[in-house]
Each structure stands twice: as structure tokens, then as C-alpha cells.
Amino acid sequence: MIKLNIHEAKTHLSKYLSKLKQGERILLCKRNQPVAEITPLPAVPARPRPIGLAKGRFTIPRSFFEPLSEELLRTFEGSHG
């Protein structure tokens, strides 16, 4: 883990961001007191997810396609009074 004071992070942020890609974590400090931790995000998949991964695992009931009741519509629109 890399410990950085805010001034150092602001001055050399791009240098430290490359270390995040290598799996490091950054502990951001204010006057040597930890205030935040910067961690790398998970890698983005190289290719898009294929369509239909859940095919056959569930069915959508016919009632899903029926119009909503007036009361429920008013609730969604925020005028349920």
C-alpha cells in the first residue's frame, strides 16, 4: 500500500495511477492521517456479454405486459394523494 499526503497526490497523481493498474492501493492522508483509500476497479471485460445468457432460466408472466392500474400509475407519477 502506498501512503500519500494530499499535496503529493495532487502533484503526481498520474504517476500513482499507473501503480493502481498493477494492483497497488493508495492510502490518501491529510497531515499524515488517513482519510481515504484509492483502490483499482476490476478489469473491464474485453468483449461484450453475449445476448441470451439466461435463456430458459425464467419466464416472464403474461401479467407483466398488462396495463398498470390507475392507482399504481398515480403512485409512480408521484400523485398518489
Protein backbone atom coordinates (compact mmCIF):
# COMPACT_ATOMS: atom_id res chain seq x y z
CA MET A 1 0.00 0.00 0.00
CA ILE A 2 1.24 3.44 -0.93
CA LYS A 3 0.73 6.21 1.65
CA LEU A 4 0.35 9.69 0.15
CA ASN A 5 -0.40 13.09 1.56
CA ILE A 6 -2.92 15.11 -0.44
CA HIS A 7 -0.34 17.55 -1.81
CA GLU A 8 1.83 14.72 -3.15
CA ALA A 9 -1.20 13.02 -4.70
CA LYS A 10 -2.32 16.24 -6.43
CA THR A 11 1.18 16.87 -7.75
CA HIS A 12 1.94 13.36 -9.03
CA LEU A 13 -1.44 11.69 -9.46
CA SER A 14 -0.80 10.25 -12.92
CA LYS A 15 2.40 8.57 -11.69
CA TYR A 16 0.49 6.83 -8.90
CA LEU A 17 -2.49 5.87 -11.07
CA SER A 18 -0.23 3.62 -13.13
CA LYS A 19 0.64 1.76 -9.91
CA LEU A 20 -3.07 1.15 -9.28
CA LYS A 21 -3.19 -0.79 -12.54
CA GLN A 22 -0.53 -3.10 -11.09
CA GLY A 23 -2.79 -3.94 -8.13
CA GLU A 24 -1.45 -1.43 -5.59
CA ARG A 25 -3.74 0.53 -3.28
CA ILE A 26 -3.22 4.15 -2.26
CA LEU A 27 -3.92 5.43 1.23
CA LEU A 28 -4.67 9.15 0.95
CA CYS A 29 -3.71 11.15 4.04
CA LYS A 30 -4.24 14.66 5.32
CA ARG A 31 -1.39 15.69 7.62
CA ASN A 32 -0.36 12.01 7.82
CA GLN A 33 -3.85 10.98 8.99
CA PRO A 34 -5.63 8.52 6.64
CA VAL A 35 -8.79 9.96 5.08
CA ALA A 36 -9.45 7.73 2.07
CA GLU A 37 -8.27 4.67 0.24
CA ILE A 38 -8.00 4.50 -3.54
CA THR A 39 -8.31 1.01 -4.97
CA PRO A 40 -8.25 -0.18 -8.57
CA LEU A 41 -11.52 -1.06 -10.29
CA PRO A 42 -11.98 -4.57 -11.69
CA ALA A 43 -10.86 -5.01 -15.26
CA VAL A 44 -13.48 -4.33 -17.92
CA PRO A 45 -14.29 -7.43 -19.99
CA ALA A 46 -12.52 -7.41 -23.34
CA ARG A 47 -15.68 -8.28 -25.27
CA PRO A 48 -19.36 -7.57 -24.67
CA ARG A 49 -21.55 -10.11 -22.91
CA PRO A 50 -23.45 -12.31 -25.36
CA ILE A 51 -27.21 -11.90 -25.59
CA GLY A 52 -29.34 -14.66 -24.11
CA LEU A 53 -27.17 -15.86 -21.20
CA ALA A 54 -30.26 -16.50 -19.03
CA LYS A 55 -32.37 -18.07 -21.77
CA GLY A 56 -34.59 -20.79 -20.33
CA ARG A 57 -33.83 -19.91 -16.68
CA PHE A 58 -37.04 -17.97 -16.06
CA THR A 59 -40.25 -16.98 -17.77
CA ILE A 60 -42.00 -13.63 -17.81
CA PRO A 61 -45.66 -13.98 -16.82
CA ARG A 62 -48.31 -12.60 -19.19
CA SER A 63 -49.45 -10.20 -16.46
CA PHE A 64 -46.15 -8.33 -16.89
CA PHE A 65 -47.41 -6.96 -20.21
CA GLU A 66 -50.85 -5.93 -18.93
CA PRO A 67 -51.53 -2.22 -18.32
CA LEU A 68 -50.92 -0.96 -14.80
CA SER A 69 -53.85 0.01 -12.60
CA GLU A 70 -54.70 3.71 -12.31
CA GLU A 71 -53.70 3.68 -8.62
CA LEU A 72 -50.26 2.24 -9.38
CA LEU A 73 -49.73 4.71 -12.24
CA ARG A 74 -50.55 7.63 -9.91
CA THR A 75 -48.07 6.25 -7.37
CA PHE A 76 -45.29 6.11 -9.99
CA GLU A 77 -46.13 9.63 -11.13
CA GLY A 78 -45.99 10.91 -7.56
CA SER A 79 -49.64 11.92 -7.38
CA HIS A 80 -50.93 9.20 -5.09
CA GLY A 81 -52.77 11.65 -2.79
